[in-house]
């Protein structure tokens, strides 16, 4: 189980030093995600992915729930108006309509959420607009306090932004 820890860094030089310290502490680069408000990062700094920057994951989850409920309701309306010979056919119509609703909900909500900044990162956007860099690092749960102490001791210029104990598996 990993925890996502957030830090705000003042500049690229500091980001490189933090990256190096994390690598020396055996935190792989694939678990580090740096993000800016639009400034491009050098190739040696692992940038946050599209899924981490946008609200696509949250949108897909919401779309799945709403689409499934609306699909189930549509299936019930179809069964009510058209009536079928057997109850198993009626149940199949409701299930198929719910599955179609789930797929349509995921698709449409994901399209909308792709243009929305990640709501989990809302608190960091004012600092990102000032030119700071956000570091999201996924740390094994047993090493969180060790990594926090290491970074606090070696990098007084950075600000701790919080910890998310329930880090999503995807992304």
C-alpha atoms as a PDB file:
ATOM      1  CA  UNK A   1       0.000   0.000   0.000  1.00  0.00           C
ATOM      2  CA  UNK A   2       1.346   3.403  -0.954  1.00  0.00           C
ATOM      3  CA  UNK A   3       0.576   6.875   0.350  1.00  0.00           C
ATOM      4  CA  UNK A   4       0.749   9.915  -1.891  1.00  0.00           C
ATOM      5  CA  UNK A   5       2.665  12.783  -0.298  1.00  0.00           C
ATOM      6  CA  UNK A   6       2.502  16.318  -1.726  1.00  0.00           C
ATOM      7  CA  UNK A   7       5.240  18.958  -1.663  1.00  0.00           C
ATOM      8  CA  UNK A   8       5.528  22.426  -3.188  1.00  0.00           C
ATOM      9  CA  UNK A   9       8.961  23.250  -4.578  1.00  0.00           C
ATOM     10  CA  UNK A  10      10.221  26.725  -5.488  1.00  0.00           C
ATOM     11  CA  UNK A  11      12.090  25.953  -8.738  1.00  0.00           C
ATOM     12  CA  UNK A  12      13.594  23.391 -11.138  1.00  0.00           C
ATOM     13  CA  UNK A  13      16.916  23.303  -9.282  1.00  0.00           C
ATOM     14  CA  UNK A  14      15.138  22.280  -6.085  1.00  0.00           C
ATOM     15  CA  UNK A  15      13.061  19.715  -8.001  1.00  0.00           C
ATOM     16  CA  UNK A  16      16.244  18.080  -9.306  1.00  0.00           C
ATOM     17  CA  UNK A  17      17.776  17.921  -5.832  1.00  0.00           C
ATOM     18  CA  UNK A  18      14.605  16.377  -4.371  1.00  0.00           C
ATOM     19  CA  UNK A  19      14.404  13.890  -7.248  1.00  0.00           C
ATOM     20  CA  UNK A  20      18.012  12.853  -6.637  1.00  0.00           C
ATOM     21  CA  UNK A  21      17.448  12.430  -2.885  1.00  0.00           C
ATOM     22  CA  UNK A  22      14.351  10.330  -3.516  1.00  0.00           C
ATOM     23  CA  UNK A  23      16.228   8.147  -5.993  1.00  0.00           C
ATOM     24  CA  UNK A  24      19.019   7.654  -3.465  1.00  0.00           C
ATOM     25  CA  UNK A  25      16.353   6.672  -0.929  1.00  0.00           C
ATOM     26  CA  UNK A  26      15.173   3.953  -3.343  1.00  0.00           C
ATOM     27  CA  UNK A  27      11.985   5.662  -4.470  1.00  0.00           C
ATOM     28  CA  UNK A  28      11.704   4.877  -8.174  1.00  0.00           C
ATOM     29  CA  UNK A  29      11.210   7.680 -10.689  1.00  0.00           C
ATOM     30  CA  UNK A  30       7.898   6.144 -11.769  1.00  0.00           C
ATOM     31  CA  UNK A  31       6.520   7.001  -8.303  1.00  0.00           C
ATOM     32  CA  UNK A  32       7.454  10.700  -8.609  1.00  0.00           C
ATOM     33  CA  UNK A  33       5.162  13.093 -10.435  1.00  0.00           C
ATOM     34  CA  UNK A  34       6.061  16.768 -10.891  1.00  0.00           C
ATOM     35  CA  UNK A  35       3.499  19.302 -12.078  1.00  0.00           C
ATOM     36  CA  UNK A  36       3.523  22.983 -13.016  1.00  0.00           C
ATOM     37  CA  UNK A  37       0.842  25.445 -14.068  1.00  0.00           C
ATOM     38  CA  UNK A  38       1.934  25.354 -17.686  1.00  0.00           C
ATOM     39  CA  UNK A  39       5.692  25.741 -17.616  1.00  0.00           C
ATOM     40  CA  UNK A  40       7.354  22.814 -19.359  1.00  0.00           C
ATOM     41  CA  UNK A  41       9.615  20.601 -17.297  1.00  0.00           C
ATOM     42  CA  UNK A  42      13.021  19.347 -18.455  1.00  0.00           C
ATOM     43  CA  UNK A  43      13.099  15.731 -19.695  1.00  0.00           C
ATOM     44  CA  UNK A  44      14.971  14.501 -16.605  1.00  0.00           C
ATOM     45  CA  UNK A  45      12.091  15.525 -14.295  1.00  0.00           C
ATOM     46  CA  UNK A  46       9.223  12.962 -14.350  1.00  0.00           C
ATOM     47  CA  UNK A  47       6.100  14.903 -15.236  1.00  0.00           C
ATOM     48  CA  UNK A  48       2.620  14.100 -13.928  1.00  0.00           C
ATOM     49  CA  UNK A  49       0.493  12.212 -16.429  1.00  0.00           C
ATOM     50  CA  UNK A  50      -2.673  13.424 -18.114  1.00  0.00           C
ATOM     51  CA  UNK A  51      -4.727  11.292 -15.714  1.00  0.00           C
ATOM     52  CA  UNK A  52      -3.062  12.925 -12.695  1.00  0.00           C
ATOM     53  CA  UNK A  53      -3.491  16.469 -14.029  1.00  0.00           C
ATOM     54  CA  UNK A  54      -7.140  16.176 -15.043  1.00  0.00           C
ATOM     55  CA  UNK A  55     -10.325  14.925 -13.414  1.00  0.00           C
ATOM     56  CA  UNK A  56     -10.731  11.989 -15.835  1.00  0.00           C
ATOM     57  CA  UNK A  57     -10.639   9.262 -13.160  1.00  0.00           C
ATOM     58  CA  UNK A  58     -13.216  11.037 -10.974  1.00  0.00           C
ATOM     59  CA  UNK A  59     -15.358  11.765 -14.038  1.00  0.00           C
ATOM     60  CA  UNK A  60     -15.305   8.140 -15.170  1.00  0.00           C
ATOM     61  CA  UNK A  61     -16.431   6.973 -11.736  1.00  0.00           C
ATOM     62  CA  UNK A  62     -19.246   9.508 -11.579  1.00  0.00           C
ATOM     63  CA  UNK A  63     -20.315   8.730 -15.134  1.00  0.00           C
ATOM     64  CA  UNK A  64     -20.401   5.016 -14.386  1.00  0.00           C
ATOM     65  CA  UNK A  65     -22.743   5.501 -11.425  1.00  0.00           C
ATOM     66  CA  UNK A  66     -25.081   8.008 -13.086  1.00  0.00           C
ATOM     67  CA  UNK A  67     -25.084   6.137 -16.406  1.00  0.00           C
ATOM     68  CA  UNK A  68     -25.860   2.827 -14.720  1.00  0.00           C
ATOM     69  CA  UNK A  69     -28.769   4.305 -12.767  1.00  0.00           C
ATOM     70  CA  UNK A  70     -30.207   6.061 -15.819  1.00  0.00           C
ATOM     71  CA  UNK A  71     -29.738   2.927 -17.948  1.00  0.00           C
ATOM     72  CA  UNK A  72     -31.549   0.849 -15.348  1.00  0.00           C
ATOM     73  CA  UNK A  73     -34.384   3.378 -15.267  1.00  0.00           C
ATOM     74  CA  UNK A  74     -34.609   3.341 -19.064  1.00  0.00           C
ATOM     75  CA  UNK A  75     -34.678  -0.464 -19.031  1.00  0.00           C
ATOM     76  CA  UNK A  76     -37.526  -0.404 -16.487  1.00  0.00           C
ATOM     77  CA  UNK A  77     -39.468   2.049 -18.686  1.00  0.00           C
ATOM     78  CA  UNK A  78     -38.964  -0.189 -21.736  1.00  0.00           C
ATOM     79  CA  UNK A  79     -40.179  -3.221 -19.792  1.00  0.00           C
ATOM     80  CA  UNK A  80     -43.179  -1.266 -18.465  1.00  0.00           C
ATOM     81  CA  UNK A  81     -44.316   0.022 -21.869  1.00  0.00           C
ATOM     82  CA  UNK A  82     -43.543  -2.951 -24.074  1.00  0.00           C
ATOM     83  CA  UNK A  83     -44.016  -5.854 -21.667  1.00  0.00           C
ATOM     84  CA  UNK A  84     -42.300  -9.116 -22.415  1.00  0.00           C
ATOM     85  CA  UNK A  85     -43.436 -12.710 -22.194  1.00  0.00           C
ATOM     86  CA  UNK A  86     -41.072 -13.845 -19.459  1.00  0.00           C
ATOM     87  CA  UNK A  87     -39.538 -12.274 -16.394  1.00  0.00           C
ATOM     88  CA  UNK A  88     -36.073 -13.402 -17.447  1.00  0.00           C
ATOM     89  CA  UNK A  89     -36.403 -11.422 -20.689  1.00  0.00           C
ATOM     90  CA  UNK A  90     -37.511  -8.361 -18.728  1.00  0.00           C
ATOM     91  CA  UNK A  91     -34.541  -8.733 -16.373  1.00  0.00           C
ATOM     92  CA  UNK A  92     -32.183  -9.111 -19.330  1.00  0.00           C
ATOM     93  CA  UNK A  93     -33.538  -5.910 -20.914  1.00  0.00           C
ATOM     94  CA  UNK A  94     -32.974  -3.971 -17.668  1.00  0.00           C
ATOM     95  CA  UNK A  95     -29.429  -5.375 -17.249  1.00  0.00           C
ATOM     96  CA  UNK A  96     -28.482  -4.671 -20.878  1.00  0.00           C
ATOM     97  CA  UNK A  97     -29.853  -1.119 -20.637  1.00  0.00           C
ATOM     98  CA  UNK A  98     -27.923  -0.595 -17.373  1.00  0.00           C
ATOM     99  CA  UNK A  99     -24.674  -1.836 -18.959  1.00  0.00           C
ATOM    100  CA  UNK A 100     -25.191   0.427 -21.970  1.00  0.00           C
ATOM    101  CA  UNK A 101     -25.847   3.299 -19.566  1.00  0.00           C
ATOM    102  CA  UNK A 102     -22.624   2.522 -17.676  1.00  0.00           C
ATOM    103  CA  UNK A 103     -20.571   2.547 -20.892  1.00  0.00           C
ATOM    104  CA  UNK A 104     -22.203   5.724 -22.173  1.00  0.00           C
ATOM    105  CA  UNK A 105     -21.825   7.400 -18.766  1.00  0.00           C
ATOM    106  CA  UNK A 106     -18.117   6.564 -18.562  1.00  0.00           C
ATOM    107  CA  UNK A 107     -17.512   7.771 -22.118  1.00  0.00           C
ATOM    108  CA  UNK A 108     -19.401  11.050 -21.843  1.00  0.00           C
ATOM    109  CA  UNK A 109     -18.217  11.973 -18.343  1.00  0.00           C
ATOM    110  CA  UNK A 110     -14.613  11.191 -19.254  1.00  0.00           C
ATOM    111  CA  UNK A 111     -14.822  13.481 -22.275  1.00  0.00           C
ATOM    112  CA  UNK A 112     -16.096  16.313 -20.106  1.00  0.00           C
ATOM    113  CA  UNK A 113     -13.657  15.685 -17.252  1.00  0.00           C
ATOM    114  CA  UNK A 114     -10.636  15.676 -19.593  1.00  0.00           C
ATOM    115  CA  UNK A 115     -10.817  19.474 -19.703  1.00  0.00           C
ATOM    116  CA  UNK A 116     -11.207  19.966 -15.956  1.00  0.00           C
ATOM    117  CA  UNK A 117      -8.183  20.277 -13.664  1.00  0.00           C
ATOM    118  CA  UNK A 118      -7.899  17.593 -10.986  1.00  0.00           C
ATOM    119  CA  UNK A 119     -10.184  18.548  -8.096  1.00  0.00           C
ATOM    120  CA  UNK A 120      -7.915  16.771  -5.596  1.00  0.00           C
ATOM    121  CA  UNK A 121      -5.214  19.309  -6.427  1.00  0.00           C
ATOM    122  CA  UNK A 122      -7.432  22.396  -6.165  1.00  0.00           C
ATOM    123  CA  UNK A 123      -5.636  23.674  -3.048  1.00  0.00           C
ATOM    124  CA  UNK A 124      -2.300  23.742  -4.919  1.00  0.00           C
ATOM    125  CA  UNK A 125      -3.382  25.762  -7.981  1.00  0.00           C
ATOM    126  CA  UNK A 126      -2.767  29.242  -6.472  1.00  0.00           C
ATOM    127  CA  UNK A 127       0.843  28.270  -5.671  1.00  0.00           C
ATOM    128  CA  UNK A 128       1.313  26.653  -9.090  1.00  0.00           C
ATOM    129  CA  UNK A 129       0.166  29.901 -10.711  1.00  0.00           C
ATOM    130  CA  UNK A 130       2.968  31.683  -8.827  1.00  0.00           C
ATOM    131  CA  UNK A 131       5.525  29.445 -10.547  1.00  0.00           C
ATOM    132  CA  UNK A 132       5.986  26.758  -7.919  1.00  0.00           C
ATOM    133  CA  UNK A 133       6.290  23.063  -8.767  1.00  0.00           C
ATOM    134  CA  UNK A 134       4.087  20.406  -7.202  1.00  0.00           C
ATOM    135  CA  UNK A 135       5.657  17.052  -6.360  1.00  0.00           C
ATOM    136  CA  UNK A 136       3.396  14.068  -5.835  1.00  0.00           C
ATOM    137  CA  UNK A 137       5.422  11.117  -4.586  1.00  0.00           C
ATOM    138  CA  UNK A 138       3.951   7.688  -3.910  1.00  0.00           C
ATOM    139  CA  UNK A 139       5.729   6.201  -0.900  1.00  0.00           C
ATOM    140  CA  UNK A 140       5.260   2.789   0.741  1.00  0.00           C
ATOM    141  CA  UNK A 141       3.132   3.274   3.880  1.00  0.00           C
ATOM    142  CA  UNK A 142       5.863   1.997   6.195  1.00  0.00           C
ATOM    143  CA  UNK A 143       8.356   4.588   4.855  1.00  0.00           C
ATOM    144  CA  UNK A 144       6.231   7.748   4.868  1.00  0.00           C
ATOM    145  CA  UNK A 145       7.632   9.229   8.085  1.00  0.00           C
ATOM    146  CA  UNK A 146      11.211   8.352   7.049  1.00  0.00           C
ATOM    147  CA  UNK A 147      10.853  10.105   3.670  1.00  0.00           C
ATOM    148  CA  UNK A 148       9.098  13.102   5.225  1.00  0.00           C
ATOM    149  CA  UNK A 149      11.923  13.511   7.760  1.00  0.00           C
ATOM    150  CA  UNK A 150      14.600  13.138   5.079  1.00  0.00           C
ATOM    151  CA  UNK A 151      13.025  15.750   2.816  1.00  0.00           C
ATOM    152  CA  UNK A 152      12.321  18.159   5.681  1.00  0.00           C
ATOM    153  CA  UNK A 153      15.955  17.957   6.843  1.00  0.00           C
ATOM    154  CA  UNK A 154      17.567  18.287   3.423  1.00  0.00           C
ATOM    155  CA  UNK A 155      15.141  20.695   1.737  1.00  0.00           C
ATOM    156  CA  UNK A 156      13.925  23.474   4.026  1.00  0.00           C
ATOM    157  CA  UNK A 157      12.905  25.486   0.939  1.00  0.00           C
ATOM    158  CA  UNK A 158      10.017  23.169   0.119  1.00  0.00           C
ATOM    159  CA  UNK A 159       6.607  23.113   1.765  1.00  0.00           C
ATOM    160  CA  UNK A 160       4.784  19.984   2.865  1.00  0.00           C
ATOM    161  CA  UNK A 161       1.396  19.920   1.145  1.00  0.00           C
ATOM    162  CA  UNK A 162      -0.240  16.956   2.814  1.00  0.00           C
ATOM    163  CA  UNK A 163      -0.615  13.235   2.569  1.00  0.00           C
ATOM    164  CA  UNK A 164      -3.259  11.108   0.913  1.00  0.00           C
ATOM    165  CA  UNK A 165      -3.423   7.709   2.608  1.00  0.00           C
ATOM    166  CA  UNK A 166      -5.879   6.236   0.130  1.00  0.00           C
ATOM    167  CA  UNK A 167      -3.840   6.643  -3.007  1.00  0.00           C
ATOM    168  CA  UNK A 168      -5.696   5.426  -6.084  1.00  0.00           C
ATOM    169  CA  UNK A 169      -4.161   2.346  -7.672  1.00  0.00           C
ATOM    170  CA  UNK A 170      -4.892   3.799 -11.093  1.00  0.00           C
ATOM    171  CA  UNK A 171      -3.275   6.231 -12.136  1.00  0.00           C
END
